PDB file of N, CA and C in Angstrom:
ATOM      1  N   UNK A   1      60.130 120.915 139.954  1.00  0.00           N
ATOM      2  CA  UNK A   1      61.556 121.113 140.145  1.00  0.00           C
ATOM      3  C   UNK A   1      62.357 120.335 139.093  1.00  0.00           C
ATOM      4  N   UNK A   2      61.931 119.107 138.808  1.00  0.00           N
ATOM      5  CA  UNK A   2      62.617 118.314 137.789  1.00  0.00           C
ATOM      6  C   UNK A   2      62.521 118.982 136.415  1.00  0.00           C
ATOM      7  N   UNK A   3      61.379 119.572 136.147  1.00  0.00           N
ATOM      8  CA  UNK A   3      61.200 120.258 134.868  1.00  0.00           C
ATOM      9  C   UNK A   3      62.151 121.440 134.758  1.00  0.00           C
ATOM     10  N   UNK A   4      62.307 122.191 135.842  1.00  0.00           N
ATOM     11  CA  UNK A   4      63.223 123.326 135.837  1.00  0.00           C
ATOM     12  C   UNK A   4      64.678 122.876 135.648  1.00  0.00           C
ATOM     13  N   UNK A   5      65.024 121.787 136.302  1.00  0.00           N
ATOM     14  CA  UNK A   5      66.383 121.255 136.165  1.00  0.00           C
ATOM     15  C   UNK A   5      66.632 120.785 134.729  1.00  0.00           C
ATOM     16  N   UNK A   6      65.665 120.106 134.137  1.00  0.00           N
ATOM     17  CA  UNK A   6      65.812 119.638 132.753  1.00  0.00           C
ATOM     18  C   UNK A   6      65.911 120.804 131.791  1.00  0.00           C
ATOM     19  N   UNK A   7      65.118 121.837 132.018  1.00  0.00           N
ATOM     20  CA  UNK A   7      65.164 123.020 131.155  1.00  0.00           C
ATOM     21  C   UNK A   7      66.530 123.709 131.255  1.00  0.00           C
ATOM     22  N   UNK A   8      67.054 123.805 132.464  1.00  0.00           N
ATOM     23  CA  UNK A   8      68.371 124.425 132.685  1.00  0.00           C
ATOM     24  C   UNK A   8      69.466 123.602 132.006  1.00  0.00           C
ATOM     25  N   UNK A   9      69.378 122.278 132.129  1.00  0.00           N
ATOM     26  CA  UNK A   9      70.360 121.382 131.515  1.00  0.00           C
ATOM     27  C   UNK A   9      70.329 121.547 129.993  1.00  0.00           C
ATOM     28  N   UNK A  10      69.143 121.580 129.422  1.00  0.00           N
ATOM     29  CA  UNK A  10      68.999 121.772 127.980  1.00  0.00           C
ATOM     30  C   UNK A  10      69.569 123.125 127.542  1.00  0.00           C
ATOM     31  N   UNK A  11      69.334 124.155 128.339  1.00  0.00           N
ATOM     32  CA  UNK A  11      69.831 125.485 128.019  1.00  0.00           C
ATOM     33  C   UNK A  11      71.364 125.504 128.006  1.00  0.00           C
ATOM     34  N   UNK A  12      71.981 124.817 128.975  1.00  0.00           N
ATOM     35  CA  UNK A  12      73.434 124.752 129.026  1.00  0.00           C
ATOM     36  C   UNK A  12      73.988 123.977 127.820  1.00  0.00           C
ATOM     37  N   UNK A  13      73.312 122.905 127.438  1.00  0.00           N
ATOM     38  CA  UNK A  13      73.750 122.119 126.285  1.00  0.00           C
ATOM     39  C   UNK A  13      73.696 122.952 125.008  1.00  0.00           C
ATOM     40  N   UNK A  14      72.636 123.715 124.857  1.00  0.00           N
ATOM     41  CA  UNK A  14      72.493 124.545 123.662  1.00  0.00           C
ATOM     42  C   UNK A  14      73.566 125.626 123.641  1.00  0.00           C
ATOM     43  N   UNK A  15      73.840 126.223 124.780  1.00  0.00           N
ATOM     44  CA  UNK A  15      74.826 127.305 124.807  1.00  0.00           C
ATOM     45  C   UNK A  15      76.250 126.788 124.596  1.00  0.00           C
ATOM     46  N   UNK A  16      76.517 125.542 124.940  1.00  0.00           N
ATOM     47  CA  UNK A  16      77.855 124.961 124.770  1.00  0.00           C
ATOM     48  C   UNK A  16      77.967 124.100 123.512  1.00  0.00           C
ATOM     49  N   UNK A  17      76.924 124.060 122.713  1.00  0.00           N
ATOM     50  CA  UNK A  17      76.903 123.171 121.558  1.00  0.00           C
ATOM     51  C   UNK A  17      77.993 123.517 120.546  1.00  0.00           C
ATOM     52  N   UNK A  18      78.182 124.767 120.240  1.00  0.00           N
ATOM     53  CA  UNK A  18      79.187 125.172 119.247  1.00  0.00           C
ATOM     54  C   UNK A  18      80.593 124.770 119.692  1.00  0.00           C
ATOM     55  N   UNK A  19      80.901 125.014 120.945  1.00  0.00           N
ATOM     56  CA  UNK A  19      82.224 124.660 121.471  1.00  0.00           C
ATOM     57  C   UNK A  19      82.432 123.156 121.429  1.00  0.00           C
ATOM     58  N   UNK A  20      81.432 122.424 121.853  1.00  0.00           N
ATOM     59  CA  UNK A  20      81.532 120.963 121.875  1.00  0.00           C
ATOM     60  C   UNK A  20      81.709 120.395 120.465  1.00  0.00           C
ATOM     61  N   UNK A  21      80.921 120.892 119.523  1.00  0.00           N
ATOM     62  CA  UNK A  21      81.029 120.398 118.151  1.00  0.00           C
ATOM     63  C   UNK A  21      82.359 120.763 117.508  1.00  0.00           C
ATOM     64  N   UNK A  22      82.859 121.953 117.779  1.00  0.00           N
ATOM     65  CA  UNK A  22      84.141 122.353 117.186  1.00  0.00           C
ATOM     66  C   UNK A  22      85.286 121.516 117.758  1.00  0.00           C
ATOM     67  N   UNK A  23      85.230 121.193 119.030  1.00  0.00           N
ATOM     68  CA  UNK A  23      86.260 120.317 119.626  1.00  0.00           C
ATOM     69  C   UNK A  23      86.218 118.936 118.985  1.00  0.00           C
ATOM     70  N   UNK A  24      85.021 118.392 118.824  1.00  0.00           N
ATOM     71  CA  UNK A  24      84.892 117.079 118.179  1.00  0.00           C
ATOM     72  C   UNK A  24      85.408 117.122 116.748  1.00  0.00           C
ATOM     73  N   UNK A  25      85.096 118.204 116.032  1.00  0.00           N
ATOM     74  CA  UNK A  25      85.546 118.345 114.654  1.00  0.00           C
ATOM     75  C   UNK A  25      87.077 118.369 114.587  1.00  0.00           C
ATOM     76  N   UNK A  26      87.714 119.156 115.447  1.00  0.00           N
ATOM     77  CA  UNK A  26      89.174 119.233 115.448  1.00  0.00           C
ATOM     78  C   UNK A  26      89.799 117.891 115.802  1.00  0.00           C
ATOM     79  N   UNK A  27      89.235 117.216 116.779  1.00  0.00           N
ATOM     80  CA  UNK A  27      89.752 115.917 117.195  1.00  0.00           C
ATOM     81  C   UNK A  27      89.633 114.901 116.052  1.00  0.00           C
ATOM     82  N   UNK A  28      88.506 114.902 115.375  1.00  0.00           N
ATOM     83  CA  UNK A  28      88.291 113.978 114.265  1.00  0.00           C
ATOM     84  C   UNK A  28      89.204 114.314 113.095  1.00  0.00           C
ATOM     85  N   UNK A  29      89.383 115.594 112.816  1.00  0.00           N
ATOM     86  CA  UNK A  29      90.260 116.014 111.726  1.00  0.00           C
ATOM     87  C   UNK A  29      91.696 115.575 111.980  1.00  0.00           C
ATOM     88  N   UNK A  30      92.162 115.735 113.205  1.00  0.00           N
ATOM     89  CA  UNK A  30      93.525 115.304 113.538  1.00  0.00           C
ATOM     90  C   UNK A  30      93.674 113.799 113.381  1.00  0.00           C
ATOM     91  N   UNK A  31      92.674 113.044 113.823  1.00  0.00           N
ATOM     92  CA  UNK A  31      92.729 111.593 113.692  1.00  0.00           C
ATOM     93  C   UNK A  31      92.736 111.169 112.226  1.00  0.00           C
ATOM     94  N   UNK A  32      91.945 111.834 111.400  1.00  0.00           N
ATOM     95  CA  UNK A  32      91.912 111.517 109.974  1.00  0.00           C
ATOM     96  C   UNK A  32      93.235 111.856 109.295  1.00  0.00           C
ATOM     97  N   UNK A  33      93.839 112.971 109.661  1.00  0.00           N
ATOM     98  CA  UNK A  33      95.132 113.340 109.088  1.00  0.00           C
ATOM     99  C   UNK A  33      96.199 112.311 109.442  1.00  0.00           C
ATOM    100  N   UNK A  34      96.161 111.836 110.668  1.00  0.00           N
ATOM    101  CA  UNK A  34      97.124 110.822 111.105  1.00  0.00           C
ATOM    102  C   UNK A  34      96.934 109.530 110.308  1.00  0.00           C
ATOM    103  N   UNK A  35      95.685 109.131 110.114  1.00  0.00           N
ATOM    104  CA  UNK A  35      95.415 107.918 109.347  1.00  0.00           C
ATOM    105  C   UNK A  35      95.798 108.103 107.876  1.00  0.00           C
ATOM    106  N   UNK A  36      95.613 109.294 107.345  1.00  0.00           N
ATOM    107  CA  UNK A  36      96.003 109.569 105.968  1.00  0.00           C
ATOM    108  C   UNK A  36      97.512 109.466 105.802  1.00  0.00           C
ATOM    109  N   UNK A  37      98.252 109.962 106.765  1.00  0.00           N
ATOM    110  CA  UNK A  37      99.707 109.846 106.724  1.00  0.00           C
ATOM    111  C   UNK A  37     100.128 108.383 106.781  1.00  0.00           C
ATOM    112  N   UNK A  38      99.458 107.597 107.618  1.00  0.00           N
ATOM    113  CA  UNK A  38      99.764 106.168 107.695  1.00  0.00           C
ATOM    114  C   UNK A  38      99.490 105.488 106.354  1.00  0.00           C
ATOM    115  N   UNK A  39      98.394 105.848 105.716  1.00  0.00           N
ATOM    116  CA  UNK A  39      98.043 105.274 104.425  1.00  0.00           C
ATOM    117  C   UNK A  39      99.063 105.657 103.364  1.00  0.00           C
ATOM    118  N   UNK A  40      99.479 106.914 103.350  1.00  0.00           N
ATOM    119  CA  UNK A  40     100.478 107.360 102.377  1.00  0.00           C
ATOM    120  C   UNK A  40     101.801 106.630 102.586  1.00  0.00           C
ATOM    121  N   UNK A  41     102.161 106.372 103.833  1.00  0.00           N
ATOM    122  CA  UNK A  41     103.387 105.643 104.128  1.00  0.00           C
ATOM    123  C   UNK A  41     103.295 104.221 103.602  1.00  0.00           C
ATOM    124  N   UNK A  42     102.137 103.605 103.776  1.00  0.00           N
ATOM    125  CA  UNK A  42     101.952 102.235 103.297  1.00  0.00           C
ATOM    126  C   UNK A  42     101.941 102.181 101.766  1.00  0.00           C
ATOM    127  N   UNK A  43     101.437 103.221 101.112  1.00  0.00           N
ATOM    128  CA  UNK A  43     101.349 103.242  99.660  1.00  0.00           C
ATOM    129  C   UNK A  43     102.690 103.499  98.995  1.00  0.00           C
ATOM    130  N   UNK A  44     103.593 104.106  99.717  1.00  0.00           N
ATOM    131  CA  UNK A  44     104.873 104.488  99.124  1.00  0.00           C
ATOM    132  C   UNK A  44     105.681 103.236  98.791  1.00  0.00           C
ATOM    133  N   UNK A  45     105.901 103.045  97.505  1.00  0.00           N
ATOM    134  CA  UNK A  45     106.700 101.914  97.045  1.00  0.00           C
ATOM    135  C   UNK A  45     107.883 102.496  96.287  1.00  0.00           C
ATOM    136  N   UNK A  46     109.057 102.133  96.730  1.00  0.00           N
ATOM    137  CA  UNK A  46     110.241 102.643  96.067  1.00  0.00           C
ATOM    138  C   UNK A  46     110.496 101.863  94.781  1.00  0.00           C
ATOM    139  N   UNK A  47     111.299 102.435  93.932  1.00  0.00           N
ATOM    140  CA  UNK A  47     111.642 101.805  92.652  1.00  0.00           C
ATOM    141  C   UNK A  47     112.346 100.472  92.895  1.00  0.00           C
ATOM    142  N   UNK A  48     113.195 100.436  93.907  1.00  0.00           N
ATOM    143  CA  UNK A  48     113.925  99.197  94.214  1.00  0.00           C
ATOM    144  C   UNK A  48     112.955  98.112  94.682  1.00  0.00           C
ATOM    145  N   UNK A  49     111.999  98.448  95.512  1.00  0.00           N
ATOM    146  CA  UNK A  49     111.026  97.467  95.958  1.00  0.00           C
ATOM    147  C   UNK A  49     110.230  96.917  94.786  1.00  0.00           C
ATOM    148  N   UNK A  50     109.876  97.781  93.851  1.00  0.00           N
ATOM    149  CA  UNK A  50     109.136  97.356  92.675  1.00  0.00           C
ATOM    150  C   UNK A  50     109.978  96.426  91.810  1.00  0.00           C
ATOM    151  N   UNK A  51     111.237  96.762  91.602  1.00  0.00           N
ATOM    152  CA  UNK A  51     112.133  95.908  90.820  1.00  0.00           C
ATOM    153  C   UNK A  51     112.325  94.555  91.495  1.00  0.00           C
ATOM    154  N   UNK A  52     112.478  94.543  92.820  1.00  0.00           N
ATOM    155  CA  UNK A  52     112.621  93.288  93.553  1.00  0.00           C
ATOM    156  C   UNK A  52     111.384  92.420  93.398  1.00  0.00           C
ATOM    157  N   UNK A  53     110.223  93.041  93.461  1.00  0.00           N
ATOM    158  CA  UNK A  53     108.978  92.296  93.331  1.00  0.00           C
ATOM    159  C   UNK A  53     108.852  91.694  91.936  1.00  0.00           C
ATOM    160  N   UNK A  54     109.199  92.471  90.899  1.00  0.00           N
ATOM    161  CA  UNK A  54     109.133  91.982  89.523  1.00  0.00           C
ATOM    162  C   UNK A  54     110.108  90.814  89.337  1.00  0.00           C
ATOM    163  N   UNK A  55     111.307  90.944  89.884  1.00  0.00           N
ATOM    164  CA  UNK A  55     112.288  89.868  89.787  1.00  0.00           C
ATOM    165  C   UNK A  55     111.778  88.605  90.477  1.00  0.00           C
ATOM    166  N   UNK A  56     111.194  88.758  91.664  1.00  0.00           N
ATOM    167  CA  UNK A  56     110.657  87.607  92.385  1.00  0.00           C
ATOM    168  C   UNK A  56     109.544  86.915  91.588  1.00  0.00           C
ATOM    169  N   UNK A  57     108.679  87.695  90.976  1.00  0.00           N
ATOM    170  CA  UNK A  57     107.594  87.118  90.184  1.00  0.00           C
ATOM    171  C   UNK A  57     108.153  86.396  88.967  1.00  0.00           C
ATOM    172  N   UNK A  58     109.149  86.995  88.312  1.00  0.00           N
ATOM    173  CA  UNK A  58     109.766  86.347  87.153  1.00  0.00           C
ATOM    174  C   UNK A  58     110.457  85.048  87.546  1.00  0.00           C
ATOM    175  N   UNK A  59     111.170  85.052  88.660  1.00  0.00           N
ATOM    176  CA  UNK A  59     111.819  83.831  89.135  1.00  0.00           C
ATOM    177  C   UNK A  59     110.799  82.756  89.454  1.00  0.00           C
ATOM    178  N   UNK A  60     109.711  83.131  90.074  1.00  0.00           N
ATOM    179  CA  UNK A  60     108.653  82.173  90.394  1.00  0.00           C
ATOM    180  C   UNK A  60     108.058  81.595  89.114  1.00  0.00           C
ATOM    181  N   UNK A  61     107.841  82.466  88.115  1.00  0.00           N
ATOM    182  CA  UNK A  61     107.261  82.008  86.848  1.00  0.00           C
ATOM    183  C   UNK A  61     108.210  81.052  86.138  1.00  0.00           C
ATOM    184  N   UNK A  62     109.501  81.329  86.181  1.00  0.00           N
ATOM    185  CA  UNK A  62     110.477  80.447  85.535  1.00  0.00           C
ATOM    186  C   UNK A  62     110.530  79.085  86.205  1.00  0.00           C
ATOM    187  N   UNK A  63     110.475  79.058  87.519  1.00  0.00           N
ATOM    188  CA  UNK A  63     110.555  77.774  88.219  1.00  0.00           C
ATOM    189  C   UNK A  63     109.289  76.942  88.014  1.00  0.00           C
ATOM    190  N   UNK A  64     108.144  77.561  87.908  1.00  0.00           N
ATOM    191  CA  UNK A  64     106.918  76.781  87.727  1.00  0.00           C
ATOM    192  C   UNK A  64     106.757  76.306  86.289  1.00  0.00           C
ATOM    193  N   UNK A  65     107.245  77.045  85.299  1.00  0.00           N
ATOM    194  CA  UNK A  65     107.103  76.616  83.904  1.00  0.00           C
ATOM    195  C   UNK A  65     108.157  75.600  83.520  1.00  0.00           C
ATOM    196  N   UNK A  66     109.266  75.515  84.251  1.00  0.00           N
ATOM    197  CA  UNK A  66     110.324  74.547  83.948  1.00  0.00           C
ATOM    198  C   UNK A  66     110.065  73.188  84.577  1.00  0.00           C
ATOM    199  N   UNK A  67     109.069  73.074  85.401  1.00  0.00           N
ATOM    200  CA  UNK A  67     108.755  71.813  86.070  1.00  0.00           C
ATOM    201  C   UNK A  67     107.967  70.923  85.093  1.00  0.00           C
ATOM    202  N   UNK A  68     108.491  69.709  84.743  1.00  0.00           N
ATOM    203  CA  UNK A  68     107.802  68.856  83.761  1.00  0.00           C
ATOM    204  C   UNK A  68     106.419  68.416  84.233  1.00  0.00           C
ATOM    205  N   UNK A  69     106.226  68.241  85.522  1.00  0.00           N
ATOM    206  CA  UNK A  69     104.903  67.834  86.024  1.00  0.00           C
ATOM    207  C   UNK A  69     103.875  68.918  85.750  1.00  0.00           C
ATOM    208  N   UNK A  70     104.278  70.181  85.875  1.00  0.00           N
ATOM    209  CA  UNK A  70     103.357  71.280  85.606  1.00  0.00           C
ATOM    210  C   UNK A  70     103.012  71.359  84.119  1.00  0.00           C
ATOM    211  N   UNK A  71     104.006  71.103  83.278  1.00  0.00           N
ATOM    212  CA  UNK A  71     103.760  71.162  81.829  1.00  0.00           C
ATOM    213  C   UNK A  71     102.784  70.068  81.402  1.00  0.00           C
ATOM    214  N   UNK A  72     102.933  68.870  81.985  1.00  0.00           N
ATOM    215  CA  UNK A  72     102.026  67.767  81.634  1.00  0.00           C
ATOM    216  C   UNK A  72     100.627  68.020  82.121  1.00  0.00           C
ATOM    217  N   UNK A  73     100.510  68.689  83.254  1.00  0.00           N
ATOM    218  CA  UNK A  73      99.179  68.973  83.804  1.00  0.00           C
ATOM    219  C   UNK A  73      98.497  70.010  82.966  1.00  0.00           C
TER     220      UNK A  73
END
């Protein structure tokens, strides 16, 4: 009886395999698209943000090179 039940269970799994795999594929694809959108949002740097960053780096460089202790070191 256990053998018959196992055979029936295996038969049902095989017959539903395509549906199950396609659902998993769609679910994974949607999750990947969402993560890709999040990544693109994080990568987007506006021109103003870039200019602000360059200005901040230049200001930092000016303050560290004008310090006499740093020059002596």
